[in-house]
């Protein structure tokens, strides 16, 4: 799985684990907390695609976009997931 394919699962992980700020996802769809980054790397080394993608909570938080009058009320837009290339 590439970063874009892992993103929906990362978002779900943040929704289910409110206090975690970072997750690391491996190409087979397993996720690890920041505390367990070493385990993520060890697991990734057993896979054909050995990449480990870092996801920060801020990538998935909703931000308030000002409306036409400059007010912060109303519109909410989900932040775009930035694709990071290795």
Protein backbone atom coordinates (compact mmCIF):
# COMPACT_ATOMS: atom_id res chain seq x y z
CA UNK A 1 0.00 0.00 0.00
CA UNK A 2 1.26 3.47 -0.79
CA UNK A 3 0.76 6.63 1.29
CA UNK A 4 -2.52 7.55 -0.40
CA UNK A 5 -3.91 4.06 0.22
CA UNK A 6 -2.82 4.17 3.87
CA UNK A 7 -4.33 7.62 4.53
CA UNK A 8 -7.95 6.51 5.19
CA UNK A 9 -6.73 3.95 7.72
CA UNK A 10 -4.47 6.57 9.34
CA UNK A 11 -7.45 8.89 9.69
CA UNK A 12 -9.42 6.08 11.33
CA UNK A 13 -6.52 5.39 13.70
CA UNK A 14 -6.52 9.03 14.85
CA UNK A 15 -10.30 8.95 15.33
CA UNK A 16 -10.00 5.83 17.50
CA UNK A 17 -6.91 6.93 19.44
CA UNK A 18 -7.57 10.52 20.51
CA UNK A 19 -4.31 11.08 22.37
CA UNK A 20 -1.88 9.82 19.72
CA UNK A 21 -0.21 12.53 17.65
CA UNK A 22 1.74 10.34 15.21
CA UNK A 23 1.28 6.94 13.58
CA UNK A 24 3.61 5.04 11.28
CA UNK A 25 2.08 2.82 8.61
CA UNK A 26 3.74 -0.07 6.80
CA UNK A 27 3.04 -1.15 3.24
CA UNK A 28 0.85 -4.04 4.43
CA UNK A 29 -1.47 -1.68 6.33
CA UNK A 30 -0.22 -2.16 9.88
CA UNK A 31 0.06 0.95 12.05
CA UNK A 32 2.36 1.71 14.95
CA UNK A 33 2.50 4.59 17.43
CA UNK A 34 5.50 6.92 17.61
CA UNK A 35 6.62 5.01 20.70
CA UNK A 36 6.80 1.84 18.59
CA UNK A 37 8.62 3.22 15.55
CA UNK A 38 11.37 0.61 16.01
CA UNK A 39 8.73 -2.12 15.77
CA UNK A 40 7.34 -0.52 12.61
CA UNK A 41 10.78 -0.58 11.01
CA UNK A 42 11.41 -4.16 12.11
CA UNK A 43 8.06 -5.24 10.69
CA UNK A 44 8.63 -3.32 7.44
CA UNK A 45 11.94 -5.13 6.95
CA UNK A 46 10.01 -8.40 6.64
CA UNK A 47 7.99 -7.02 3.70
CA UNK A 48 8.76 -6.66 0.00
CA UNK A 49 8.02 -2.91 0.24
CA UNK A 50 10.03 -1.85 3.28
CA UNK A 51 8.72 1.72 3.45
CA UNK A 52 7.27 3.20 6.62
CA UNK A 53 5.02 6.25 6.23
CA UNK A 54 4.67 8.83 9.01
CA UNK A 55 1.23 10.36 9.59
CA UNK A 56 0.70 13.38 11.85
CA UNK A 57 -2.66 14.13 13.44
CA UNK A 58 -2.51 17.67 12.00
CA UNK A 59 -2.85 16.20 8.50
CA UNK A 60 -6.38 15.07 9.33
CA UNK A 61 -7.70 17.81 11.61
CA UNK A 62 -10.50 20.03 10.43
CA UNK A 63 -9.65 23.69 10.04
CA UNK A 64 -12.08 26.56 9.97
CA UNK A 65 -11.90 28.49 6.71
CA UNK A 66 -13.00 32.13 6.76
CA UNK A 67 -16.15 32.83 4.77
CA UNK A 68 -16.47 35.62 2.19
CA UNK A 69 -16.94 38.19 4.99
CA UNK A 70 -13.75 37.12 6.75
CA UNK A 71 -15.67 35.39 9.54
CA UNK A 72 -14.38 32.12 10.97
CA UNK A 73 -17.93 30.91 11.47
CA UNK A 74 -19.54 28.48 9.11
CA UNK A 75 -17.30 26.72 6.66
CA UNK A 76 -15.11 23.87 7.78
CA UNK A 77 -12.69 22.27 5.40
CA UNK A 78 -10.77 19.08 5.94
CA UNK A 79 -7.07 19.63 5.53
CA UNK A 80 -5.58 17.97 2.46
CA UNK A 81 -3.28 15.06 3.05
CA UNK A 82 0.11 16.10 1.80
CA UNK A 83 1.78 13.39 -0.16
CA UNK A 84 5.33 12.95 0.96
CA UNK A 85 7.73 11.36 -1.44
CA UNK A 86 10.69 9.38 -0.23
